[in-house]
Amino acid sequence: MERSELGILFLYVKGPVMADQSRTSSPLAHPTLEDIKRAANQIAGSVLRTPTLPAYKLSQALGADIFVKYDNMQITNAFKERGALVKLLSLNDEQRRAGVVAMSAGNHAQAVAFHASRLGIPSTIVMPEFTPFVKVAATKAFGADVILEGETVAEAGLAAQRLSETKGMVFVHPYDDFDIIRGQGTVALEMLADVGELDCLVVPIGGGGLISGMAIAAKTIKPTIEIIGVETELYPTMYNELKQTNLECGGQSLAEGIAVKKAGRLPASIAADLVSDIVLVSEGQIEQAINAFATHLKTMAEGAGAAGLAALIAEPGRFEGRKVGLLLSGGNIDPRLLSSIMVRQLGRKQQIVGLRITIPDRPGVLGEISTIIGDLGGNVLEVDHHRTFLNVPVKGASIDITIETRDAAHAQDIIRGIEAKGHKVEHLNASDGDGRQT
């Protein structure tokens, strides 16, 4: 990362003096449990106190006693409101009049926009040019001025920094900030108040503001509790920081909310003391977790919001028999993406199967194959006919059939039934076997 990008991460060091002077002046001063309790009092009535509920079906599937905190129920559908509001409430009158600026491609943008508008504070959000229109529209709807600049979040951050310096606006960092961290810590206060006997908390990590605040609260209240972070394999930022490794960061991730290339300096210093381990999860495991929330708990989770459950899918043995607290940190997922994930998961479970069958090009063969599938209890969803593929005999044809089945064994029965009639069958979506099925 370039030096200019690193400057974004440490803005809290040289930013405006906060109205609250109760903390030490050290830039790496860690919030305390009392700071987090004050944050809880500050946001009471303005941020929803979301429930922490047992997840029976997930517990049965994964062998742990799982409790889910539903912060996807917030007005902006994500936990980010907590820290954003605490930060905004820390501003003095002069800072409020000057307004705030933030850089974000998603949930932080909406949280700052919503609470700034509610408090009468002008807000400007700099978003990367590639930001989906639906997120831009949502941020504008909450009352912010939106500027699209830069190809990456880092470039958008540089633009936000320039605005902060030239127009005197307070920069609201998404994670590397004392007040943001103490606001996010209120999640753990609520979880342990609801389920005090939890053995561990499994928390998504992007820049680290969430896990550092939660770890301070949880480890102070219950020193024996274990704090386990989760990152996508594509962005092992805090993993690199704490384990002194240099794994590559980059790529398109379902968990864009935690796709951060550099951990925050303050969160990293806290996590180094309080986080016991970090689990890296695959994109397939994140898919499975999103689907499990939708099908088993009937709730929507975005990729980052489902990361905690993905860790249990990735390493079920680590959590077996333990009382595990999961934070569903956000539910802002495109419905079309959710639909695609759910269909793909049916494919993983072999409940939707694609078959490519080579047949002689003569009347009645397709009907014969459809009859075999129907007689064996399968349901034909889609058929595509191919005659011009060069790997198909000139007097033959290739058909792609998508069928609905009960499970993998049922799919194999149908394949064997078709092969018994002399047809060559290629299974197009054999399961990738990525983690325990949920």
Protein backbone atom coordinates (compact mmCIF):
# COMPACT_ATOMS: atom_id res chain seq x y z
CA MET A 1 0.00 0.00 0.00
CA GLU A 2 1.27 3.46 -0.87
CA ARG A 3 2.16 5.94 1.84
CA SER A 4 -0.65 8.23 0.63
CA GLU A 5 -3.19 5.45 1.25
CA LEU A 6 -1.83 4.78 4.74
CA GLY A 7 -2.58 8.38 5.61
CA ILE A 8 -6.28 7.64 5.34
CA LEU A 9 -6.07 5.01 8.03
CA PHE A 10 -4.57 7.25 10.66
CA LEU A 11 -6.66 10.38 10.31
CA TYR A 12 -7.87 10.09 13.88
CA VAL A 13 -4.35 11.01 15.03
CA LYS A 14 -4.39 14.48 13.51
CA GLY A 15 -8.15 15.06 13.32
CA PRO A 16 -10.11 17.72 15.22
CA VAL A 17 -10.07 17.57 19.01
CA MET A 18 -13.18 15.77 20.23
CA ALA A 19 -15.69 17.39 22.53
CA ASP A 20 -15.20 14.58 25.06
CA GLN A 21 -11.93 15.27 26.88
CA SER A 22 -12.25 12.44 29.42
CA ARG A 23 -9.83 10.15 27.58
CA THR A 24 -6.05 10.30 27.48
CA SER A 25 -4.45 12.29 24.65
CA SER A 26 -2.49 9.27 23.36
CA PRO A 27 -3.57 8.39 19.80
CA LEU A 28 -3.48 4.69 20.72
CA ALA A 29 -5.52 5.01 23.89
CA HIS A 30 -7.87 2.02 24.06
CA PRO A 31 -11.52 2.50 24.99
CA THR A 32 -12.52 0.90 28.28
CA LEU A 33 -15.68 -0.93 29.32
CA GLU A 34 -16.86 2.32 30.91
CA ASP A 35 -16.38 4.14 27.59
CA ILE A 36 -18.49 1.48 25.88
CA LYS A 37 -21.18 1.66 28.56
CA ARG A 38 -21.35 5.43 28.06
CA ALA A 39 -21.75 4.78 24.33
CA ALA A 40 -24.63 2.42 25.06
CA ASN A 41 -26.38 5.13 27.07
CA GLN A 42 -25.76 7.67 24.30
CA ILE A 43 -27.34 5.57 21.55
CA ALA A 44 -30.22 4.19 23.63
CA GLY A 45 -33.50 4.99 21.89
CA SER A 46 -31.78 6.02 18.65
CA VAL A 47 -30.24 2.70 17.65
CA LEU A 48 -32.30 -0.47 17.91
CA ARG A 49 -31.36 -2.88 20.69
CA THR A 50 -31.48 -5.98 18.54
CA PRO A 51 -32.22 -9.45 19.93
CA THR A 52 -29.81 -12.32 20.44
CA LEU A 53 -31.73 -15.53 19.79
CA PRO A 54 -30.99 -19.27 19.72
CA ALA A 55 -30.53 -20.72 16.25
CA TYR A 56 -31.80 -24.27 16.70
CA LYS A 57 -31.49 -25.48 13.09
CA LEU A 58 -27.96 -24.13 12.74
CA SER A 59 -27.02 -25.69 16.07
CA GLN A 60 -28.30 -29.08 14.93
CA ALA A 61 -26.46 -28.84 11.62
CA LEU A 62 -23.12 -27.69 13.02
CA GLY A 63 -22.94 -29.31 16.45
CA ALA A 64 -22.56 -26.11 18.46
CA ASP A 65 -25.04 -24.21 20.64
CA ILE A 66 -25.44 -21.14 18.40
CA PHE A 67 -26.97 -17.77 19.30
CA VAL A 68 -27.39 -15.07 16.63
CA LYS A 69 -27.40 -11.30 17.19
CA TYR A 70 -29.65 -9.75 14.52
CA ASP A 71 -28.09 -6.37 13.78
CA ASN A 72 -29.45 -6.61 10.24
CA MET A 73 -32.64 -5.25 11.85
CA GLN A 74 -31.22 -1.73 12.23
CA ILE A 75 -32.80 1.02 10.12
CA THR A 76 -29.81 0.93 7.75
CA ASN A 77 -29.72 -2.88 8.14
CA ALA A 78 -26.22 -2.99 9.65
CA PHE A 79 -24.32 -2.50 12.92
CA LYS A 80 -22.47 0.57 11.61
CA GLU A 81 -25.10 2.91 13.07
CA ARG A 82 -23.68 2.34 16.56
CA GLY A 83 -20.23 3.75 16.00
CA ALA A 84 -21.37 6.42 13.56
CA LEU A 85 -23.86 7.86 16.04
CA VAL A 86 -21.38 7.83 18.93
CA LYS A 87 -18.85 9.67 16.76
CA LEU A 88 -21.40 12.27 15.68
CA LEU A 89 -22.53 12.84 19.27
CA SER A 90 -18.92 13.53 20.27
CA LEU A 91 -18.74 16.63 18.05
CA ASN A 92 -18.96 20.13 19.49
CA ASP A 93 -21.26 22.81 18.06
CA GLU A 94 -18.61 24.25 15.75
CA GLN A 95 -17.79 20.84 14.30
CA ARG A 96 -21.48 20.08 13.79
CA ARG A 97 -21.95 23.30 11.82
CA ALA A 98 -18.94 22.50 9.64
CA GLY A 99 -20.36 19.08 8.86
CA VAL A 100 -18.81 15.66 8.41
CA VAL A 101 -17.29 13.72 5.55
CA ALA A 102 -16.84 9.97 5.23
CA MET A 103 -15.58 7.50 2.67
CA SER A 104 -17.48 4.29 2.18
CA ALA A 105 -18.96 2.03 -0.46
CA GLY A 106 -21.75 0.71 1.72
CA ASN A 107 -23.01 0.44 5.29
CA HIS A 108 -20.82 3.09 6.93
CA ALA A 109 -22.01 5.60 4.31
CA GLN A 110 -25.66 4.96 5.09
CA ALA A 111 -25.11 5.01 8.86
CA VAL A 112 -23.33 8.37 8.79
CA ALA A 113 -25.86 9.82 6.36
CA PHE A 114 -28.87 8.69 8.39
CA HIS A 115 -27.75 9.86 11.83
CA ALA A 116 -26.13 13.06 10.57
CA SER A 117 -29.38 13.99 8.86
CA ARG A 118 -31.34 13.13 12.00
CA LEU A 119 -29.05 15.34 14.11
CA GLY A 120 -29.07 18.21 11.61
CA ILE A 121 -25.38 17.79 10.70
CA PRO A 122 -24.45 18.29 7.03
CA SER A 123 -22.82 15.15 5.63
CA THR A 124 -20.84 14.36 2.51
CA ILE A 125 -20.02 10.80 1.53
CA VAL A 126 -17.29 10.05 -1.00
CA MET A 127 -17.94 6.73 -2.73
CA PRO A 128 -15.88 4.95 -5.40
CA GLU A 129 -17.11 5.42 -8.95
CA PHE A 130 -17.94 1.70 -9.26
CA THR A 131 -20.36 1.76 -6.27
CA PRO A 132 -23.66 0.11 -7.24
CA PHE A 133 -26.42 2.60 -7.94
CA VAL A 134 -28.68 1.07 -5.29
CA LYS A 135 -26.13 1.93 -2.57
CA VAL A 136 -25.62 5.44 -3.91
CA ALA A 137 -29.38 5.98 -4.01
CA ALA A 138 -29.82 4.65 -0.47
CA THR A 139 -27.12 6.96 0.88
CA LYS A 140 -28.66 9.97 -0.85
CA ALA A 141 -32.08 8.97 0.49
CA PHE A 142 -30.72 9.22 4.03
CA GLY A 143 -29.82 12.86 3.39
CA ALA A 144 -26.14 12.91 2.41
CA ASP A 145 -24.43 14.67 -0.47
CA VAL A 146 -22.71 11.92 -2.44
CA ILE A 147 -19.54 12.40 -4.45
CA LEU A 148 -18.33 9.61 -6.73
CA GLU A 149 -14.56 9.74 -7.02
CA GLY A 150 -11.80 7.18 -7.43
CA GLU A 151 -11.74 3.60 -8.62
CA THR A 152 -11.11 2.18 -5.14
CA VAL A 153 -12.15 2.86 -1.56
CA ALA A 154 -8.58 4.06 -0.90
CA GLU A 155 -8.86 6.64 -3.68
CA ALA A 156 -12.26 7.73 -2.38
CA GLY A 157 -10.65 8.08 1.04
CA LEU A 158 -8.00 10.42 -0.32
CA ALA A 159 -10.74 12.57 -1.83
CA ALA A 160 -12.59 12.60 1.51
CA GLN A 161 -9.37 13.60 3.28
CA ARG A 162 -8.92 16.54 0.90
CA LEU A 163 -12.48 17.69 1.58
CA SER A 164 -11.89 17.43 5.32
CA GLU A 165 -8.76 19.56 5.09
CA THR A 166 -10.03 22.17 2.62
CA LYS A 167 -13.55 22.63 4.00
CA GLY A 168 -12.91 21.99 7.70
CA MET A 169 -15.28 19.03 7.90
CA VAL A 170 -14.72 16.27 10.46
CA PHE A 171 -13.61 13.02 8.87
CA VAL A 172 -15.66 10.08 10.19
CA HIS A 173 -13.41 7.07 9.77
CA PRO A 174 -15.19 3.73 9.32
CA TYR A 175 -13.09 1.86 11.90
CA ASP A 176 -9.83 3.51 13.01
CA ASP A 177 -11.35 5.84 15.59
CA PHE A 178 -11.78 5.77 19.38
CA ASP A 179 -15.48 6.72 19.31
CA ILE A 180 -16.33 4.39 16.44
CA ILE A 181 -14.77 1.51 18.34
CA ARG A 182 -16.55 2.20 21.61
CA GLY A 183 -19.84 2.46 19.71
CA GLN A 184 -19.33 -0.91 18.04
CA GLY A 185 -18.49 -2.42 21.42
CA THR A 186 -22.12 -2.00 22.47
CA VAL A 187 -22.91 -5.10 20.38
CA ALA A 188 -21.06 -7.30 22.90
CA LEU A 189 -22.71 -5.58 25.88
CA GLU A 190 -26.12 -6.54 24.51
CA MET A 191 -25.12 -10.08 23.55
CA LEU A 192 -23.73 -10.93 26.99
CA ALA A 193 -26.69 -9.28 28.70
CA ASP A 194 -28.97 -11.61 26.73
CA VAL A 195 -26.82 -14.78 26.86
CA GLY A 196 -24.25 -14.48 29.62
CA GLU A 197 -23.02 -18.07 29.34
CA LEU A 198 -21.48 -17.71 25.86
CA ASP A 199 -18.10 -19.43 25.48
CA CYS A 200 -16.96 -17.46 22.45
CA LEU A 201 -17.86 -14.66 20.06
CA VAL A 202 -17.19 -15.07 16.34
CA VAL A 203 -16.85 -11.66 14.73
CA PRO A 204 -16.29 -10.48 11.12
CA ILE A 205 -13.19 -8.33 10.57
CA GLY A 206 -12.71 -5.65 7.96
CA GLY A 207 -10.64 -2.79 9.34
CA GLY A 208 -11.16 -4.09 12.88
CA GLY A 209 -13.37 -1.51 14.56
CA LEU A 210 -16.12 -4.00 15.34
CA ILE A 211 -14.03 -6.82 16.77
CA SER A 212 -11.83 -4.49 18.82
CA GLY A 213 -14.81 -2.79 20.49
CA MET A 214 -16.59 -6.09 21.10
CA ALA A 215 -13.43 -7.70 22.46
CA ILE A 216 -12.87 -4.92 25.01
CA ALA A 217 -16.43 -5.20 26.31
CA ALA A 218 -16.65 -8.99 26.29
CA LYS A 219 -13.22 -9.74 27.77
CA THR A 220 -13.71 -7.19 30.55
CA ILE A 221 -17.13 -8.56 31.48
CA LYS A 222 -16.12 -12.21 31.08
CA PRO A 223 -12.34 -12.76 30.90
CA THR A 224 -12.73 -16.44 29.98
CA ILE A 225 -14.69 -15.74 26.79
CA GLU A 226 -12.82 -16.37 23.55
CA ILE A 227 -12.88 -13.80 20.74
CA ILE A 228 -12.39 -15.30 17.28
CA GLY A 229 -12.21 -13.13 14.19
CA VAL A 230 -13.24 -14.06 10.65
CA GLU A 231 -11.85 -12.79 7.37
CA THR A 232 -12.33 -13.88 3.80
CA GLU A 233 -9.35 -15.72 2.31
CA LEU A 234 -9.13 -12.95 -0.29
CA TYR A 235 -8.53 -10.23 2.34
CA PRO A 236 -6.56 -11.65 5.32
CA THR A 237 -5.67 -8.16 6.58
CA MET A 238 -5.85 -8.56 10.36
CA TYR A 239 -4.55 -12.12 9.99
CA ASN A 240 -1.42 -10.68 8.38
CA GLU A 241 -1.16 -8.03 11.08
CA LEU A 242 -1.45 -10.35 14.08
CA LYS A 243 0.41 -13.37 12.69
CA GLN A 244 3.13 -11.34 10.96
CA THR A 245 2.43 -12.98 7.61
CA ASN A 246 2.23 -11.44 4.17
CA LEU A 247 -0.68 -13.20 2.47
CA GLU A 248 -1.92 -11.46 -0.66
CA CYS A 249 -5.03 -9.29 -0.42
CA GLY A 250 -7.26 -8.71 -3.43
CA GLY A 251 -10.04 -9.98 -5.64
CA GLN A 252 -13.81 -9.85 -5.93
CA SER A 253 -15.43 -11.05 -2.71
CA LEU A 254 -19.03 -11.63 -1.71
CA ALA A 255 -18.02 -10.09 1.62
CA GLU A 256 -17.22 -6.66 0.22
CA GLY A 257 -17.98 -5.11 3.62
CA ILE A 258 -14.83 -6.72 5.04
CA ALA A 259 -12.72 -6.58 1.86
CA VAL A 260 -10.17 -4.18 3.36
CA LYS A 261 -6.50 -4.17 2.39
CA LYS A 262 -5.15 -2.59 5.57
CA ALA A 263 -6.31 -3.06 9.16
CA GLY A 264 -6.77 -0.01 11.34
CA ARG A 265 -3.83 0.90 13.58
CA LEU A 266 -5.88 1.30 16.76
CA PRO A 267 -8.05 -1.81 16.18
CA ALA A 268 -4.94 -3.88 15.44
CA SER A 269 -3.30 -2.82 18.70
CA ILE A 270 -6.44 -3.86 20.59
CA ALA A 271 -6.92 -7.12 18.69
CA ALA A 272 -3.32 -8.13 19.33
CA ASP A 273 -4.11 -8.26 23.06
CA LEU A 274 -7.65 -9.66 23.02
CA VAL A 275 -8.36 -11.73 19.88
CA SER A 276 -7.31 -15.36 20.25
CA ASP A 277 -7.39 -16.38 16.58
CA ILE A 278 -8.66 -15.52 13.10
CA VAL A 279 -10.39 -17.99 10.78
CA LEU A 280 -10.05 -17.46 7.03
CA VAL A 281 -13.10 -18.54 5.04
CA SER A 282 -13.63 -19.27 1.35
CA GLU A 283 -16.12 -17.60 -0.94
CA GLY A 284 -18.02 -20.90 -1.14
CA GLN A 285 -18.36 -21.04 2.63
CA ILE A 286 -19.65 -17.46 2.68
CA GLU A 287 -22.22 -18.48 0.05
CA GLN A 288 -23.33 -21.40 2.21
CA ALA A 289 -23.66 -19.13 5.25
CA ILE A 290 -25.80 -16.58 3.38
CA ASN A 291 -28.04 -19.40 2.17
CA ALA A 292 -28.26 -20.93 5.67
CA PHE A 293 -29.44 -17.64 7.16
CA ALA A 294 -32.07 -17.33 4.43
CA THR A 295 -33.34 -20.90 4.51
CA HIS A 296 -32.98 -21.86 8.19
CA LEU A 297 -33.48 -18.51 9.97
CA LYS A 298 -35.55 -16.74 7.28
CA THR A 299 -33.40 -13.64 7.43
CA MET A 300 -31.15 -11.80 4.97
CA ALA A 301 -27.40 -11.63 5.46
CA GLU A 302 -24.88 -9.88 3.25
CA GLY A 303 -21.52 -11.54 2.69
CA ALA A 304 -19.73 -9.76 5.52
CA GLY A 305 -22.71 -10.29 7.81
CA ALA A 306 -22.59 -14.04 7.23
CA ALA A 307 -18.82 -14.38 7.78
CA GLY A 308 -19.18 -15.60 11.38
CA LEU A 309 -21.39 -18.49 10.33
CA ALA A 310 -18.99 -19.23 7.47
CA ALA A 311 -16.26 -19.79 10.10
CA LEU A 312 -18.39 -22.46 11.79
CA ILE A 313 -19.00 -24.10 8.42
CA ALA A 314 -15.26 -24.00 7.71
CA GLU A 315 -14.12 -25.39 11.07
CA PRO A 316 -17.06 -27.07 12.85
CA GLY A 317 -14.78 -29.10 15.10
CA ARG A 318 -13.36 -25.95 16.70
CA PHE A 319 -16.81 -24.94 17.96
CA GLU A 320 -18.46 -28.30 18.59
CA GLY A 321 -20.29 -28.44 21.93
CA ARG A 322 -19.61 -24.78 22.73
CA LYS A 323 -22.02 -21.87 23.23
CA VAL A 324 -21.21 -19.61 20.30
CA GLY A 325 -22.35 -16.04 19.77
CA LEU A 326 -22.62 -14.96 16.12
CA LEU A 327 -23.21 -11.41 14.97
CA LEU A 328 -25.30 -11.09 11.83
CA SER A 329 -23.71 -7.71 11.21
CA GLY A 330 -25.54 -6.64 8.07
CA GLY A 331 -28.28 -7.61 5.65
CA ASN A 332 -27.69 -5.31 2.68
CA ILE A 333 -27.50 -7.87 -0.09
CA ASP A 334 -28.79 -7.47 -3.64
CA PRO A 335 -31.90 -9.69 -3.93
CA ARG A 336 -30.70 -10.95 -7.33
CA LEU A 337 -27.41 -12.03 -5.78
CA LEU A 338 -29.25 -13.75 -2.94
CA SER A 339 -31.44 -15.59 -5.45
CA SER A 340 -28.37 -16.77 -7.36
CA ILE A 341 -26.69 -17.96 -4.16
CA MET A 342 -29.74 -19.95 -3.11
CA VAL A 343 -29.99 -21.68 -6.49
CA ARG A 344 -26.25 -22.43 -6.43
CA GLN A 345 -26.65 -23.96 -2.97
CA LEU A 346 -29.39 -26.24 -4.30
CA GLY A 347 -26.80 -27.28 -6.86
CA ARG A 348 -24.24 -27.98 -4.13
CA LYS A 349 -26.76 -30.23 -2.41
CA GLN A 350 -27.56 -31.87 -5.75
CA GLN A 351 -31.19 -30.80 -5.53
CA ILE A 352 -30.79 -28.99 -8.84
CA VAL A 353 -28.59 -30.91 -11.27
CA GLY A 354 -27.30 -30.08 -14.75
CA LEU A 355 -26.75 -32.99 -17.14
CA ARG A 356 -25.22 -32.93 -20.63
CA ILE A 357 -26.38 -35.93 -22.65
CA THR A 358 -25.16 -37.01 -26.09
CA ILE A 359 -27.99 -38.59 -28.11
CA PRO A 360 -28.73 -39.73 -31.68
CA ASP A 361 -30.55 -37.01 -33.57
CA ARG A 362 -33.82 -38.81 -34.22
CA PRO A 363 -37.44 -38.33 -33.14
CA GLY A 364 -38.54 -39.58 -29.75
CA VAL A 365 -35.17 -39.68 -27.96
CA LEU A 366 -35.79 -36.52 -25.94
CA GLY A 367 -39.20 -37.85 -24.95
CA GLU A 368 -37.61 -41.14 -23.88
CA ILE A 369 -35.13 -39.32 -21.63
CA SER A 370 -37.87 -37.12 -20.16
CA THR A 371 -39.89 -40.25 -19.38
CA ILE A 372 -36.94 -41.87 -17.60
CA ILE A 373 -36.46 -38.75 -15.47
CA GLY A 374 -40.17 -38.52 -14.67
CA ASP A 375 -40.52 -42.22 -13.86
CA LEU A 376 -37.62 -41.94 -11.41
CA GLY A 377 -39.22 -38.96 -9.64
CA GLY A 378 -37.16 -36.13 -11.16
CA ASN A 379 -38.58 -32.87 -12.48
CA VAL A 380 -37.28 -31.30 -15.71
CA LEU A 381 -36.71 -27.55 -15.25
CA GLU A 382 -34.93 -26.58 -18.46
CA VAL A 383 -33.73 -28.14 -21.75
CA ASP A 384 -31.19 -26.79 -24.29
CA HIS A 385 -30.53 -28.58 -27.60
CA HIS A 386 -27.13 -28.36 -29.37
CA ARG A 387 -26.42 -29.68 -32.87
CA THR A 388 -23.52 -27.50 -34.05
CA PHE A 389 -20.93 -28.25 -31.35
CA LEU A 390 -17.92 -29.87 -33.05
CA ASN A 391 -17.57 -32.48 -30.30
CA VAL A 392 -21.05 -33.79 -31.15
CA PRO A 393 -21.37 -36.45 -33.94
CA VAL A 394 -22.76 -35.00 -37.16
CA LYS A 395 -25.73 -37.34 -36.86
CA GLY A 396 -26.11 -36.70 -33.18
CA ALA A 397 -27.05 -33.96 -30.76
CA SER A 398 -26.18 -32.76 -27.31
CA ILE A 399 -28.81 -31.72 -24.81
CA ASP A 400 -28.33 -29.89 -21.53
CA ILE A 401 -31.07 -30.76 -19.06
CA THR A 402 -31.54 -29.09 -15.70
CA ILE A 403 -33.52 -31.28 -13.31
CA GLU A 404 -34.82 -31.04 -9.76
CA THR A 405 -34.01 -33.98 -7.48
CA ARG A 406 -34.37 -34.94 -3.84
CA ASP A 407 -30.65 -35.26 -3.11
CA ALA A 408 -27.33 -36.50 -4.52
CA ALA A 409 -28.33 -40.18 -4.32
CA HIS A 410 -31.54 -39.48 -6.24
CA ALA A 411 -29.54 -37.61 -8.90
CA GLN A 412 -27.23 -40.59 -9.33
CA ASP A 413 -30.23 -42.93 -9.74
CA ILE A 414 -31.48 -40.76 -12.60
CA ILE A 415 -28.04 -40.61 -14.24
CA ARG A 416 -27.76 -44.41 -14.08
CA GLY A 417 -31.26 -44.76 -15.53
CA ILE A 418 -30.35 -42.60 -18.54
CA GLU A 419 -27.01 -44.37 -19.04
CA ALA A 420 -28.79 -47.73 -18.98
CA LYS A 421 -30.50 -46.68 -22.22
CA GLY A 422 -27.10 -46.23 -23.89
CA HIS A 423 -26.73 -42.47 -23.56
CA LYS A 424 -23.51 -40.75 -22.44
CA VAL A 425 -24.16 -38.45 -19.46
CA GLU A 426 -21.89 -35.69 -18.16
CA HIS A 427 -22.70 -34.29 -14.69
CA LEU A 428 -22.25 -30.51 -15.03
CA ASN A 429 -22.44 -29.36 -11.40
CA ALA A 430 -20.92 -31.98 -9.16
CA SER A 431 -20.66 -30.60 -5.61
CA ASP A 432 -17.45 -28.72 -4.74
CA GLY A 433 -17.56 -30.21 -1.24
CA ASP A 434 -16.71 -26.85 0.34
CA GLY A 435 -17.35 -27.26 4.04
CA ARG A 436 -20.18 -28.99 5.91
CA GLN A 437 -23.56 -28.66 4.20
CA THR A 438 -26.04 -26.44 6.02
